[in-house]
C-alpha atoms as a PDB file:
ATOM      1  CA  MET A   1       3.642 -26.328  -8.064  1.00  0.00           C
ATOM      2  CA  SER A   2       7.022 -25.938  -9.908  1.00  0.00           C
ATOM      3  CA  THR A   3      10.119 -24.944  -8.032  1.00  0.00           C
ATOM      4  CA  LEU A   4      13.746 -24.119  -8.945  1.00  0.00           C
ATOM      5  CA  VAL A   5      15.847 -25.578  -6.104  1.00  0.00           C
ATOM      6  CA  THR A   6      15.632 -28.966  -4.329  1.00  0.00           C
ATOM      7  CA  THR A   7      17.144 -30.165  -1.020  1.00  0.00           C
ATOM      8  CA  THR A   8      18.158 -33.527   0.247  1.00  0.00           C
ATOM      9  CA  SER A   9      18.031 -34.500   3.928  1.00  0.00           C
ATOM     10  CA  VAL A  10      21.478 -34.864   5.647  1.00  0.00           C
ATOM     11  CA  ALA A  11      21.718 -37.447   8.410  1.00  0.00           C
ATOM     12  CA  ASN A  12      21.889 -35.876  11.911  1.00  0.00           C
ATOM     13  CA  SER A  13      21.821 -32.359  10.440  1.00  0.00           C
ATOM     14  CA  VAL A  14      19.106 -29.713  10.862  1.00  0.00           C
ATOM     15  CA  LYS A  15      20.735 -27.121   8.588  1.00  0.00           C
ATOM     16  CA  LEU A  16      20.631 -28.464   5.097  1.00  0.00           C
ATOM     17  CA  GLY A  17      22.622 -25.604   3.467  1.00  0.00           C
ATOM     18  CA  ASP A  18      21.571 -22.163   2.403  1.00  0.00           C
ATOM     19  CA  ILE A  19      20.342 -20.164  -0.547  1.00  0.00           C
ATOM     20  CA  SER A  20      22.060 -16.778  -0.910  1.00  0.00           C
ATOM     21  CA  GLY A  21      22.894 -16.909   2.794  1.00  0.00           C
ATOM     22  CA  ILE A  22      19.389 -17.813   3.946  1.00  0.00           C
ATOM     23  CA  SER A  23      19.597 -21.079   5.945  1.00  0.00           C
ATOM     24  CA  ILE A  24      17.474 -24.132   5.019  1.00  0.00           C
ATOM     25  CA  VAL A  25      16.358 -25.634   8.331  1.00  0.00           C
ATOM     26  CA  ASP A  26      14.923 -29.099   8.597  1.00  0.00           C
ATOM     27  CA  PHE A  27      12.104 -29.062  11.181  1.00  0.00           C
ATOM     28  CA  ALA A  28      11.566 -32.828  11.282  1.00  0.00           C
ATOM     29  CA  SER A  29      13.540 -33.336  14.513  1.00  0.00           C
ATOM     30  CA  PHE A  30      11.705 -30.461  16.195  1.00  0.00           C
ATOM     31  CA  LEU A  31       8.290 -31.911  15.376  1.00  0.00           C
ATOM     32  CA  ASP A  32       9.204 -35.386  16.542  1.00  0.00           C
ATOM     33  CA  GLY A  33      10.983 -34.052  19.630  1.00  0.00           C
ATOM     34  CA  SER A  34      14.352 -35.740  18.874  1.00  0.00           C
ATOM     35  CA  ASN A  35      16.478 -32.612  18.502  1.00  0.00           C
ATOM     36  CA  LYS A  36      14.387 -29.559  19.286  1.00  0.00           C
ATOM     37  CA  GLN A  37      17.226 -27.351  20.597  1.00  0.00           C
ATOM     38  CA  ALA A  38      19.407 -27.813  17.500  1.00  0.00           C
ATOM     39  CA  VAL A  39      16.521 -26.856  15.247  1.00  0.00           C
ATOM     40  CA  ALA A  40      15.711 -23.834  17.410  1.00  0.00           C
ATOM     41  CA  ASP A  41      19.302 -22.689  17.403  1.00  0.00           C
ATOM     42  CA  ALA A  42      19.585 -23.000  13.603  1.00  0.00           C
ATOM     43  CA  LEU A  43      16.353 -21.071  13.077  1.00  0.00           C
ATOM     44  CA  LEU A  44      17.358 -18.263  15.498  1.00  0.00           C
ATOM     45  CA  ASP A  45      20.834 -18.023  13.945  1.00  0.00           C
ATOM     46  CA  SER A  46      19.282 -17.436  10.532  1.00  0.00           C
ATOM     47  CA  PHE A  47      16.878 -14.827  12.002  1.00  0.00           C
ATOM     48  CA  LYS A  48      19.791 -13.046  13.692  1.00  0.00           C
ATOM     49  CA  SER A  49      21.959 -12.968  10.561  1.00  0.00           C
ATOM     50  CA  VAL A  50      19.444 -12.228   7.785  1.00  0.00           C
ATOM     51  CA  GLY A  51      15.912 -12.328   9.289  1.00  0.00           C
ATOM     52  CA  PHE A  52      14.762 -15.136   6.990  1.00  0.00           C
ATOM     53  CA  ALA A  53      14.930 -18.943   6.964  1.00  0.00           C
ATOM     54  CA  TYR A  54      13.682 -21.667   4.678  1.00  0.00           C
ATOM     55  CA  VAL A  55      11.930 -24.343   6.687  1.00  0.00           C
ATOM     56  CA  VAL A  56      11.370 -27.831   5.348  1.00  0.00           C
ATOM     57  CA  ASN A  57       9.441 -30.794   6.866  1.00  0.00           C
ATOM     58  CA  TYR A  58       7.264 -28.297   8.706  1.00  0.00           C
ATOM     59  CA  GLY A  59       4.223 -30.602   9.061  1.00  0.00           C
ATOM     60  CA  MET A  60       1.950 -29.647   6.192  1.00  0.00           C
ATOM     61  CA  PRO A  61       1.292 -32.198   3.439  1.00  0.00           C
ATOM     62  CA  LYS A  62       2.518 -31.303  -0.002  1.00  0.00           C
ATOM     63  CA  ASP A  63      -0.875 -31.960  -1.557  1.00  0.00           C
ATOM     64  CA  LYS A  64      -2.564 -29.498   0.838  1.00  0.00           C
ATOM     65  CA  VAL A  65      -0.210 -26.759  -0.294  1.00  0.00           C
ATOM     66  CA  GLU A  66      -0.704 -27.613  -3.914  1.00  0.00           C
ATOM     67  CA  SER A  67      -4.467 -27.643  -3.478  1.00  0.00           C
ATOM     68  CA  MET A  68      -4.441 -24.090  -2.042  1.00  0.00           C
ATOM     69  CA  PHE A  69      -2.342 -22.870  -4.951  1.00  0.00           C
ATOM     70  CA  ASP A  70      -4.893 -24.412  -7.246  1.00  0.00           C
ATOM     71  CA  TRP A  71      -7.732 -22.542  -5.453  1.00  0.00           C
ATOM     72  CA  SER A  72      -5.716 -19.329  -5.797  1.00  0.00           C
ATOM     73  CA  ARG A  73      -5.309 -19.818  -9.495  1.00  0.00           C
ATOM     74  CA  ARG A  74      -9.006 -20.632  -9.925  1.00  0.00           C
ATOM     75  CA  PHE A  75      -9.985 -17.507  -7.954  1.00  0.00           C
ATOM     76  CA  PHE A  76      -7.732 -15.141  -9.958  1.00  0.00           C
ATOM     77  CA  ALA A  77      -8.901 -16.722 -13.261  1.00  0.00           C
ATOM     78  CA  LEU A  78     -12.432 -15.525 -12.549  1.00  0.00           C
ATOM     79  CA  PRO A  79     -13.776 -12.523 -14.582  1.00  0.00           C
ATOM     80  CA  MET A  80     -12.860  -9.190 -13.013  1.00  0.00           C
ATOM     81  CA  GLU A  81     -16.578  -8.431 -12.416  1.00  0.00           C
ATOM     82  CA  THR A  82     -16.948 -11.661 -10.418  1.00  0.00           C
ATOM     83  CA  LYS A  83     -13.834 -10.992  -8.279  1.00  0.00           C
ATOM     84  CA  MET A  84     -15.117  -7.469  -7.596  1.00  0.00           C
ATOM     85  CA  LEU A  85     -18.132  -8.933  -5.918  1.00  0.00           C
ATOM     86  CA  ALA A  86     -15.801  -9.385  -2.944  1.00  0.00           C
ATOM     87  CA  PRO A  87     -14.229  -5.874  -2.834  1.00  0.00           C
ATOM     88  CA  HIS A  88     -11.564  -4.902  -0.365  1.00  0.00           C
ATOM     89  CA  PRO A  89     -12.953  -2.242   2.001  1.00  0.00           C
ATOM     90  CA  PRO A  90     -11.958   1.357   1.225  1.00  0.00           C
ATOM     91  CA  SER A  91      -9.713   1.546   4.274  1.00  0.00           C
ATOM     92  CA  GLY A  92      -6.313  -0.031   3.775  1.00  0.00           C
ATOM     93  CA  MET A  93      -6.291  -0.840   7.479  1.00  0.00           C
ATOM     94  CA  HIS A  94      -8.747  -3.664   6.978  1.00  0.00           C
ATOM     95  CA  ALA A  95      -6.995  -6.385   5.032  1.00  0.00           C
ATOM     96  CA  ARG A  96     -10.038  -8.351   3.761  1.00  0.00           C
ATOM     97  CA  GLY A  97     -11.459  -9.117   0.327  1.00  0.00           C
ATOM     98  CA  TYR A  98     -10.208  -8.621  -3.228  1.00  0.00           C
ATOM     99  CA  SER A  99      -7.899  -5.862  -4.518  1.00  0.00           C
ATOM    100  CA  PRO A 100      -7.377  -5.593  -8.290  1.00  0.00           C
ATOM    101  CA  PRO A 101      -4.064  -4.732  -9.937  1.00  0.00           C
ATOM    102  CA  GLY A 102      -3.011  -1.143  -9.225  1.00  0.00           C
ATOM    103  CA  GLN A 103      -5.289  -0.578  -6.236  1.00  0.00           C
ATOM    104  CA  GLU A 104      -2.597  -1.108  -3.575  1.00  0.00           C
ATOM    105  CA  LYS A 105       0.693   0.636  -3.300  1.00  0.00           C
ATOM    106  CA  LEU A 106       3.130  -0.841  -0.753  1.00  0.00           C
ATOM    107  CA  SER A 107       5.781   1.520   0.568  1.00  0.00           C
ATOM    108  CA  GLN A 108       8.072   1.653   3.508  1.00  0.00           C
ATOM    109  CA  HIS A 109       6.879   4.013   6.315  1.00  0.00           C
ATOM    110  CA  VAL A 110       4.484   6.010   4.087  1.00  0.00           C
ATOM    111  CA  TYR A 111       0.970   6.013   5.452  1.00  0.00           C
ATOM    112  CA  ASP A 112      -0.475   9.376   4.308  1.00  0.00           C
ATOM    113  CA  LYS A 113      -3.184   8.644   1.702  1.00  0.00           C
ATOM    114  CA  ASN A 114      -2.228  11.567  -0.473  1.00  0.00           C
ATOM    115  CA  GLU A 115       1.455  10.527  -0.596  1.00  0.00           C
ATOM    116  CA  LEU A 116       0.437   6.989  -1.371  1.00  0.00           C
ATOM    117  CA  ALA A 117      -1.757   8.215  -4.209  1.00  0.00           C
ATOM    118  CA  LYS A 118       1.254  10.004  -5.685  1.00  0.00           C
ATOM    119  CA  LEU A 119       3.411   6.911  -5.410  1.00  0.00           C
ATOM    120  CA  ARG A 120       0.635   4.736  -6.923  1.00  0.00           C
ATOM    121  CA  ALA A 121       0.408   7.139  -9.975  1.00  0.00           C
ATOM    122  CA  GLN A 122       4.181   7.093 -10.442  1.00  0.00           C
ATOM    123  CA  ALA A 123       4.692   3.321 -10.398  1.00  0.00           C
ATOM    124  CA  PRO A 124       1.617   1.216  -9.614  1.00  0.00           C
ATOM    125  CA  ASP A 125       2.010  -2.238  -8.009  1.00  0.00           C
ATOM    126  CA  VAL A 126       0.952  -4.775 -10.659  1.00  0.00           C
ATOM    127  CA  LYS A 127      -0.541  -7.417  -8.499  1.00  0.00           C
ATOM    128  CA  GLU A 128      -3.925  -8.588  -7.293  1.00  0.00           C
ATOM    129  CA  ASN A 129      -4.781 -10.223  -4.010  1.00  0.00           C
ATOM    130  CA  PHE A 130      -7.447 -11.731  -1.785  1.00  0.00           C
ATOM    131  CA  GLU A 131      -7.212 -11.598   2.011  1.00  0.00           C
ATOM    132  CA  CYS A 132      -9.087 -13.213   4.865  1.00  0.00           C
ATOM    133  CA  GLY A 133      -8.678 -13.795   8.564  1.00  0.00           C
ATOM    134  CA  ARG A 134     -10.497 -15.867  11.168  1.00  0.00           C
ATOM    135  CA  GLU A 135     -14.259 -15.785  10.867  1.00  0.00           C
ATOM    136  CA  ASP A 136     -14.863 -14.644  14.450  1.00  0.00           C
ATOM    137  CA  ASP A 137     -12.618 -11.615  13.903  1.00  0.00           C
ATOM    138  CA  SER A 138     -14.115  -8.150  14.508  1.00  0.00           C
ATOM    139  CA  ILE A 139     -13.199  -7.328  10.887  1.00  0.00           C
ATOM    140  CA  THR A 140     -15.785  -8.872   8.569  1.00  0.00           C
ATOM    141  CA  ILE A 141     -14.375 -11.043   5.806  1.00  0.00           C
ATOM    142  CA  VAL A 142     -15.633 -10.125   2.359  1.00  0.00           C
ATOM    143  CA  TRP A 143     -16.356 -13.369   0.530  1.00  0.00           C
ATOM    144  CA  LEU A 144     -17.598 -14.016  -2.977  1.00  0.00           C
ATOM    145  CA  PRO A 145     -21.377 -14.642  -3.203  1.00  0.00           C
ATOM    146  CA  ASP A 146     -22.486 -18.222  -2.808  1.00  0.00           C
ATOM    147  CA  GLY A 147     -22.086 -20.146  -6.021  1.00  0.00           C
ATOM    148  CA  ALA A 148     -19.369 -17.895  -7.513  1.00  0.00           C
ATOM    149  CA  LEU A 149     -16.611 -20.378  -6.621  1.00  0.00           C
ATOM    150  CA  PRO A 150     -18.015 -23.184  -4.506  1.00  0.00           C
ATOM    151  CA  GLY A 151     -15.592 -24.443  -1.878  1.00  0.00           C
ATOM    152  CA  PHE A 152     -13.240 -21.430  -2.006  1.00  0.00           C
ATOM    153  CA  LYS A 153     -14.276 -20.004   1.376  1.00  0.00           C
ATOM    154  CA  GLU A 154     -13.937 -23.350   3.136  1.00  0.00           C
ATOM    155  CA  ALA A 155     -10.523 -23.890   1.536  1.00  0.00           C
ATOM    156  CA  CYS A 156      -9.245 -20.521   2.636  1.00  0.00           C
ATOM    157  CA  LEU A 157     -10.439 -20.994   6.228  1.00  0.00           C
ATOM    158  CA  ASP A 158      -9.072 -24.544   6.447  1.00  0.00           C
ATOM    159  CA  PHE A 159      -5.679 -23.313   5.201  1.00  0.00           C
ATOM    160  CA  PHE A 160      -5.673 -20.339   7.527  1.00  0.00           C
ATOM    161  CA  TRP A 161      -5.901 -22.685  10.525  1.00  0.00           C
ATOM    162  CA  SER A 162      -3.395 -25.138   9.085  1.00  0.00           C
ATOM    163  CA  LEU A 163      -0.826 -22.307   8.823  1.00  0.00           C
ATOM    164  CA  ARG A 164      -1.762 -21.383  12.386  1.00  0.00           C
ATOM    165  CA  GLU A 165      -0.321 -24.654  13.493  1.00  0.00           C
ATOM    166  CA  VAL A 166       2.917 -23.911  11.573  1.00  0.00           C
ATOM    167  CA  GLU A 167       3.055 -20.487  13.232  1.00  0.00           C
ATOM    168  CA  LEU A 168       2.970 -22.091  16.650  1.00  0.00           C
ATOM    169  CA  PHE A 169       5.828 -24.509  15.726  1.00  0.00           C
ATOM    170  CA  ILE A 170       7.947 -21.529  14.598  1.00  0.00           C
ATOM    171  CA  LEU A 171       7.143 -19.558  17.726  1.00  0.00           C
ATOM    172  CA  ARG A 172       8.014 -22.448  19.959  1.00  0.00           C
ATOM    173  CA  ALA A 173      11.313 -23.009  18.165  1.00  0.00           C
ATOM    174  CA  LEU A 174      12.193 -19.309  18.473  1.00  0.00           C
ATOM    175  CA  SER A 175      11.413 -19.394  22.154  1.00  0.00           C
ATOM    176  CA  LEU A 176      13.804 -22.221  22.729  1.00  0.00           C
ATOM    177  CA  GLY A 177      16.400 -20.585  20.587  1.00  0.00           C
ATOM    178  CA  LEU A 178      16.127 -17.515  22.817  1.00  0.00           C
ATOM    179  CA  HIS A 179      16.443 -19.825  25.934  1.00  0.00           C
ATOM    180  CA  LEU A 180      12.933 -19.037  27.043  1.00  0.00           C
ATOM    181  CA  GLU A 181      10.118 -21.480  27.971  1.00  0.00           C
ATOM    182  CA  GLU A 182       8.979 -23.177  24.862  1.00  0.00           C
ATOM    183  CA  ASP A 183       5.525 -21.665  24.934  1.00  0.00           C
ATOM    184  CA  TYR A 184       6.715 -18.130  25.861  1.00  0.00           C
ATOM    185  CA  LEU A 185       6.017 -16.522  22.449  1.00  0.00           C
ATOM    186  CA  ALA A 186       2.996 -18.689  21.686  1.00  0.00           C
ATOM    187  CA  LYS A 187       1.298 -17.405  24.849  1.00  0.00           C
ATOM    188  CA  CYS A 188       1.506 -13.929  23.388  1.00  0.00           C
ATOM    189  CA  HIS A 189      -0.173 -15.009  20.122  1.00  0.00           C
ATOM    190  CA  THR A 190      -3.439 -16.518  21.381  1.00  0.00           C
ATOM    191  CA  ALA A 191      -5.914 -14.124  19.688  1.00  0.00           C
ATOM    192  CA  VAL A 192      -4.824 -15.281  16.201  1.00  0.00           C
ATOM    193  CA  ASP A 193      -4.911 -11.816  14.708  1.00  0.00           C
ATOM    194  CA  ASN A 194      -3.461 -13.175  11.522  1.00  0.00           C
ATOM    195  CA  GLN A 195      -4.073 -12.627   7.860  1.00  0.00           C
ATOM    196  CA  LEU A 196      -4.000 -15.061   4.956  1.00  0.00           C
ATOM    197  CA  ARG A 197      -3.253 -13.440   1.609  1.00  0.00           C
ATOM    198  CA  LEU A 198      -3.454 -15.005  -1.899  1.00  0.00           C
ATOM    199  CA  LEU A 199      -1.341 -13.092  -4.358  1.00  0.00           C
ATOM    200  CA  HIS A 200      -1.161 -13.106  -8.141  1.00  0.00           C
ATOM    201  CA  TYR A 201       1.391 -11.151 -10.137  1.00  0.00           C
ATOM    202  CA  PRO A 202       0.319 -11.064 -13.825  1.00  0.00           C
ATOM    203  CA  SER A 203       2.970 -11.380 -16.494  1.00  0.00           C
ATOM    204  CA  VAL A 204       4.445  -7.979 -17.315  1.00  0.00           C
ATOM    205  CA  PRO A 205       7.295  -6.742 -19.527  1.00  0.00           C
ATOM    206  CA  ILE A 206      10.576  -6.956 -17.643  1.00  0.00           C
ATOM    207  CA  GLU A 207      11.623  -3.611 -19.121  1.00  0.00           C
ATOM    208  CA  GLN A 208       8.702  -1.892 -17.388  1.00  0.00           C
ATOM    209  CA  ILE A 209       9.803  -3.324 -13.978  1.00  0.00           C
ATOM    210  CA  GLU A 210      13.483  -2.447 -14.469  1.00  0.00           C
ATOM    211  CA  SER A 211      12.645   1.180 -15.591  1.00  0.00           C
ATOM    212  CA  HIS A 212      10.269   1.513 -12.498  1.00  0.00           C
ATOM    213  CA  GLU A 213       7.389   2.256 -14.781  1.00  0.00           C
ATOM    214  CA  VAL A 214       5.540  -0.386 -12.778  1.00  0.00           C
ATOM    215  CA  GLU A 215       6.419  -2.405  -9.696  1.00  0.00           C
ATOM    216  CA  ARG A 216       5.475  -5.765  -8.429  1.00  0.00           C
ATOM    217  CA  ILE A 217       6.105  -4.924  -4.766  1.00  0.00           C
ATOM    218  CA  GLY A 218       8.440  -2.217  -3.647  1.00  0.00           C
ATOM    219  CA  THR A 219      11.031  -2.440  -0.851  1.00  0.00           C
ATOM    220  CA  HIS A 220       9.425  -2.923   2.523  1.00  0.00           C
ATOM    221  CA  SER A 221       9.542  -4.825   5.830  1.00  0.00           C
ATOM    222  CA  ASP A 222       6.652  -6.630   7.465  1.00  0.00           C
ATOM    223  CA  PHE A 223       4.890  -5.210  10.526  1.00  0.00           C
ATOM    224  CA  GLY A 224       4.102  -8.151  12.747  1.00  0.00           C
ATOM    225  CA  SER A 225       5.910 -10.928  14.525  1.00  0.00           C
ATOM    226  CA  ILE A 226       6.602 -13.374  11.700  1.00  0.00           C
ATOM    227  CA  THR A 227       5.417 -14.068   8.157  1.00  0.00           C
ATOM    228  CA  LEU A 228       5.063 -17.480   6.599  1.00  0.00           C
ATOM    229  CA  LEU A 229       5.445 -17.519   2.838  1.00  0.00           C
ATOM    230  CA  LEU A 230       4.634 -20.200   0.247  1.00  0.00           C
ATOM    231  CA  GLN A 231       5.620 -19.297  -3.308  1.00  0.00           C
ATOM    232  CA  ASP A 232       5.504 -21.035  -6.667  1.00  0.00           C
ATOM    233  CA  GLY A 233       8.553 -21.507  -8.828  1.00  0.00           C
ATOM    234  CA  ALA A 234       8.462 -18.299 -10.698  1.00  0.00           C
ATOM    235  CA  GLY A 235      10.909 -16.468  -8.477  1.00  0.00           C
ATOM    236  CA  GLY A 236      11.379 -12.685  -8.124  1.00  0.00           C
ATOM    237  CA  LEU A 237      11.428 -12.255  -4.267  1.00  0.00           C
ATOM    238  CA  GLU A 238      14.571 -10.456  -3.201  1.00  0.00           C
ATOM    239  CA  VAL A 239      15.982  -9.788   0.293  1.00  0.00           C
ATOM    240  CA  GLU A 240      18.404  -7.046   1.256  1.00  0.00           C
ATOM    241  CA  HIS A 241      21.922  -8.315   1.843  1.00  0.00           C
ATOM    242  CA  PRO A 242      22.513  -8.277   5.614  1.00  0.00           C
ATOM    243  CA  HIS A 243      26.012  -6.769   5.306  1.00  0.00           C
ATOM    244  CA  ASN A 244      25.599  -4.613   2.197  1.00  0.00           C
ATOM    245  CA  PRO A 245      22.594  -2.306   2.531  1.00  0.00           C
ATOM    246  CA  GLY A 246      20.961  -1.481  -0.863  1.00  0.00           C
ATOM    247  CA  THR A 247      22.124  -4.764  -2.417  1.00  0.00           C
ATOM    248  CA  PHE A 248      19.465  -7.450  -2.789  1.00  0.00           C
ATOM    249  CA  ILE A 249      19.822 -11.192  -2.990  1.00  0.00           C
ATOM    250  CA  ALA A 250      17.382 -13.599  -4.627  1.00  0.00           C
ATOM    251  CA  ALA A 251      15.220 -15.637  -2.232  1.00  0.00           C
ATOM    252  CA  THR A 252      14.956 -18.466  -4.749  1.00  0.00           C
ATOM    253  CA  PRO A 253      11.992 -20.880  -4.220  1.00  0.00           C
ATOM    254  CA  VAL A 254      13.012 -24.168  -2.554  1.00  0.00           C
ATOM    255  CA  GLU A 255      11.009 -27.247  -3.181  1.00  0.00           C
ATOM    256  CA  GLY A 256       8.929 -28.267  -0.136  1.00  0.00           C
ATOM    257  CA  ALA A 257      10.004 -25.242   1.910  1.00  0.00           C
ATOM    258  CA  ILE A 258       8.037 -22.516   3.577  1.00  0.00           C
ATOM    259  CA  LEU A 259       9.985 -19.239   3.809  1.00  0.00           C
ATOM    260  CA  VAL A 260       9.774 -17.628   7.250  1.00  0.00           C
ATOM    261  CA  ASN A 261      10.810 -14.064   8.137  1.00  0.00           C
ATOM    262  CA  ALA A 262      10.754 -11.796  11.161  1.00  0.00           C
ATOM    263  CA  GLY A 263       8.702  -8.673  11.214  1.00  0.00           C
ATOM    264  CA  ASP A 264       9.338  -5.219  12.776  1.00  0.00           C
ATOM    265  CA  PHE A 265       7.549  -6.087  15.990  1.00  0.00           C
ATOM    266  CA  LEU A 266       9.646  -9.143  16.632  1.00  0.00           C
ATOM    267  CA  MET A 267      12.812  -7.185  15.953  1.00  0.00           C
ATOM    268  CA  ARG A 268      11.817  -4.556  18.457  1.00  0.00           C
ATOM    269  CA  TRP A 269      10.690  -7.250  20.926  1.00  0.00           C
ATOM    270  CA  SER A 270      14.091  -8.907  20.655  1.00  0.00           C
ATOM    271  CA  ASN A 271      15.897  -5.640  21.248  1.00  0.00           C
ATOM    272  CA  ASP A 272      17.188  -5.831  17.640  1.00  0.00           C
ATOM    273  CA  MET A 273      18.825  -9.215  18.199  1.00  0.00           C
ATOM    274  CA  ILE A 274      16.520 -10.548  15.411  1.00  0.00           C
ATOM    275  CA  LYS A 275      16.509  -8.734  12.086  1.00  0.00           C
ATOM    276  CA  SER A 276      13.423  -7.540  10.236  1.00  0.00           C
ATOM    277  CA  THR A 277      14.914  -7.391   6.725  1.00  0.00           C
ATOM    278  CA  VAL A 278      13.502  -5.336   3.916  1.00  0.00           C
ATOM    279  CA  HIS A 279      12.542  -7.210   0.806  1.00  0.00           C
ATOM    280  CA  ARG A 280      10.751  -6.725  -2.526  1.00  0.00           C
ATOM    281  CA  VAL A 281       9.401  -8.547  -5.553  1.00  0.00           C
ATOM    282  CA  ARG A 282      10.996  -7.835  -8.922  1.00  0.00           C
ATOM    283  CA  ALA A 283      11.411  -9.764 -12.184  1.00  0.00           C
ATOM    284  CA  PRO A 284      13.200 -13.114 -11.651  1.00  0.00           C
ATOM    285  CA  ARG A 285      16.986 -12.889 -12.110  1.00  0.00           C
ATOM    286  CA  LYS A 286      16.694 -15.340 -15.010  1.00  0.00           C
ATOM    287  CA  GLY A 287      14.529 -13.469 -17.503  1.00  0.00           C
ATOM    288  CA  SER A 288      12.292 -15.206 -19.966  1.00  0.00           C
ATOM    289  CA  GLU A 289      13.172 -15.324 -23.723  1.00  0.00           C
ATOM    290  CA  ASP A 290      10.190 -13.163 -24.733  1.00  0.00           C
ATOM    291  CA  GLY A 291      11.095 -10.293 -22.402  1.00  0.00           C
ATOM    292  CA  MET A 292       8.118 -10.944 -20.102  1.00  0.00           C
ATOM    293  CA  ALA A 293       8.323 -11.611 -16.371  1.00  0.00           C
ATOM    294  CA  PRO A 294       6.319 -14.785 -15.795  1.00  0.00           C
ATOM    295  CA  GLU A 295       3.185 -14.642 -13.700  1.00  0.00           C
ATOM    296  CA  ARG A 296       3.755 -15.528 -10.022  1.00  0.00           C
ATOM    297  CA  TYR A 297       1.587 -16.842  -7.272  1.00  0.00           C
ATOM    298  CA  SER A 298       2.422 -16.656  -3.544  1.00  0.00           C
ATOM    299  CA  ILE A 299       0.575 -17.186  -0.317  1.00  0.00           C
ATOM    300  CA  PRO A 300       1.854 -15.203   2.703  1.00  0.00           C
ATOM    301  CA  TYR A 301       0.448 -15.644   6.215  1.00  0.00           C
ATOM    302  CA  PHE A 302       1.016 -12.663   8.466  1.00  0.00           C
ATOM    303  CA  CYS A 303       1.220 -13.353  12.235  1.00  0.00           C
ATOM    304  CA  SER A 304       0.736 -10.738  14.982  1.00  0.00           C
ATOM    305  CA  ALA A 305       1.041 -10.762  18.759  1.00  0.00           C
ATOM    306  CA  ASP A 306      -2.150 -10.205  20.701  1.00  0.00           C
ATOM    307  CA  PHE A 307      -3.051  -6.503  20.295  1.00  0.00           C
ATOM    308  CA  SER A 308      -4.129  -6.228  23.946  1.00  0.00           C
ATOM    309  CA  ARG A 309      -0.822  -7.503  25.290  1.00  0.00           C
ATOM    310  CA  VAL A 310       1.923  -5.054  26.286  1.00  0.00           C
ATOM    311  CA  VAL A 311       5.382  -6.530  25.769  1.00  0.00           C
ATOM    312  CA  ASP A 312       8.852  -5.488  26.865  1.00  0.00           C
ATOM    313  CA  CYS A 313      12.221  -6.526  25.383  1.00  0.00           C
ATOM    314  CA  LEU A 314      12.542 -10.248  25.755  1.00  0.00           C
ATOM    315  CA  PRO A 315      14.569 -11.768  28.608  1.00  0.00           C
ATOM    316  CA  GLY A 316      18.148 -12.353  27.588  1.00  0.00           C
ATOM    317  CA  THR A 317      18.137  -9.720  24.839  1.00  0.00           C
ATOM    318  CA  PHE A 318      19.421  -6.874  27.093  1.00  0.00           C
ATOM    319  CA  SER A 319      22.013  -6.481  29.842  1.00  0.00           C
ATOM    320  CA  GLU A 320      24.135  -3.782  31.570  1.00  0.00           C
ATOM    321  CA  THR A 321      26.374  -3.655  28.549  1.00  0.00           C
ATOM    322  CA  LYS A 322      23.496  -3.928  26.082  1.00  0.00           C
ATOM    323  CA  PRO A 323      20.621  -1.839  27.461  1.00  0.00           C
ATOM    324  CA  LYS A 324      17.086  -1.868  26.197  1.00  0.00           C
ATOM    325  CA  LYS A 325      16.574   0.195  23.047  1.00  0.00           C
ATOM    326  CA  TYR A 326      12.802   0.336  23.288  1.00  0.00           C
ATOM    327  CA  GLU A 327      10.021   1.056  25.810  1.00  0.00           C
ATOM    328  CA  PRO A 328       7.261  -1.511  26.334  1.00  0.00           C
ATOM    329  CA  ILE A 329       4.708  -1.557  23.539  1.00  0.00           C
ATOM    330  CA  SER A 330       1.486  -3.372  22.469  1.00  0.00           C
ATOM    331  CA  ALA A 331       1.037  -4.847  19.008  1.00  0.00           C
ATOM    332  CA  SER A 332      -1.859  -2.462  18.518  1.00  0.00           C
ATOM    333  CA  ARG A 333       0.523   0.465  18.451  1.00  0.00           C
ATOM    334  CA  THR A 334       2.369  -0.833  15.432  1.00  0.00           C
ATOM    335  CA  PRO A 335       0.954  -0.201  11.902  1.00  0.00           C
ATOM    336  CA  SER A 336      -1.912  -2.693  11.420  1.00  0.00           C
ATOM    337  CA  GLY A 337      -2.653  -4.477   8.199  1.00  0.00           C
ATOM    338  CA  SER A 338      -0.466  -6.845   6.250  1.00  0.00           C
ATOM    339  CA  CYS A 339       2.384  -6.520   3.800  1.00  0.00           C
ATOM    340  CA  SER A 340       3.115  -8.602   0.714  1.00  0.00           C
ATOM    341  CA  CYS A 341       5.574 -11.158  -0.565  1.00  0.00           C
END
């Protein structure tokens, strides 16, 4: 898996620098227990300032990540008629199965199917994806038939549960950063109502993206608590500048890092202490010589709090001088389904 930026560990430091203002946080001393609070503080600081953080040394072997990207490439290289044997259900609320290029249209706060159809016709999202959740979920996973790509199902489910472990590390660190008990947030994420998405962006003329004839993914925020994102080295992900709305900064791939961002639910839960920042996927800032945006692969993992749990603003995020902005809410009342990265 190629990447564009590398990092080098700094002795006794948990923040290794930043990319476009997004902190690079070394999780090693959180996982070994030697400096948990410093890691937690660095992660929360980045979430408070920009809503994103690069996390390195997060406990997943490099070869496991590379293997999942290889499975993703193998899946998307299948003939279209084979991929369509695992079709995404008609309802966009059930994020399972395969969606071909142009089928989905991601937009911010637009849920009416007729309005979405208009947006899709104006500038379709040129991407394809496959989604799955846990097998005991009430939503049936749509898999390829046996024999179409042997080992794919097992690889997806194994990776789903590996990222679940990373999710728990991140939630525990955020809890400590918020000066809560370490398992506070993890206790609200026991149902594992999460979604694993494999994404492929085919190569497309840069001019078509810049003229908005087509899009990769439009500007949006994520719905849930947190999103974990693995991306190849192609680039193209952009995050809105925290102090200059409407201006976007490149979230350049960092070797060995997983990119973590807060969703709308966590922002509300934190009484807006944590930012849920809008982002998009465009052509990479450094265009190719032939005028084509290179193909891109990414693997986001969307994490949600238990739908049955009602949560109030987190302790420590409100006071007499900073009252609660929101009433208690359950995760089931926020828009369901995943976003894209």
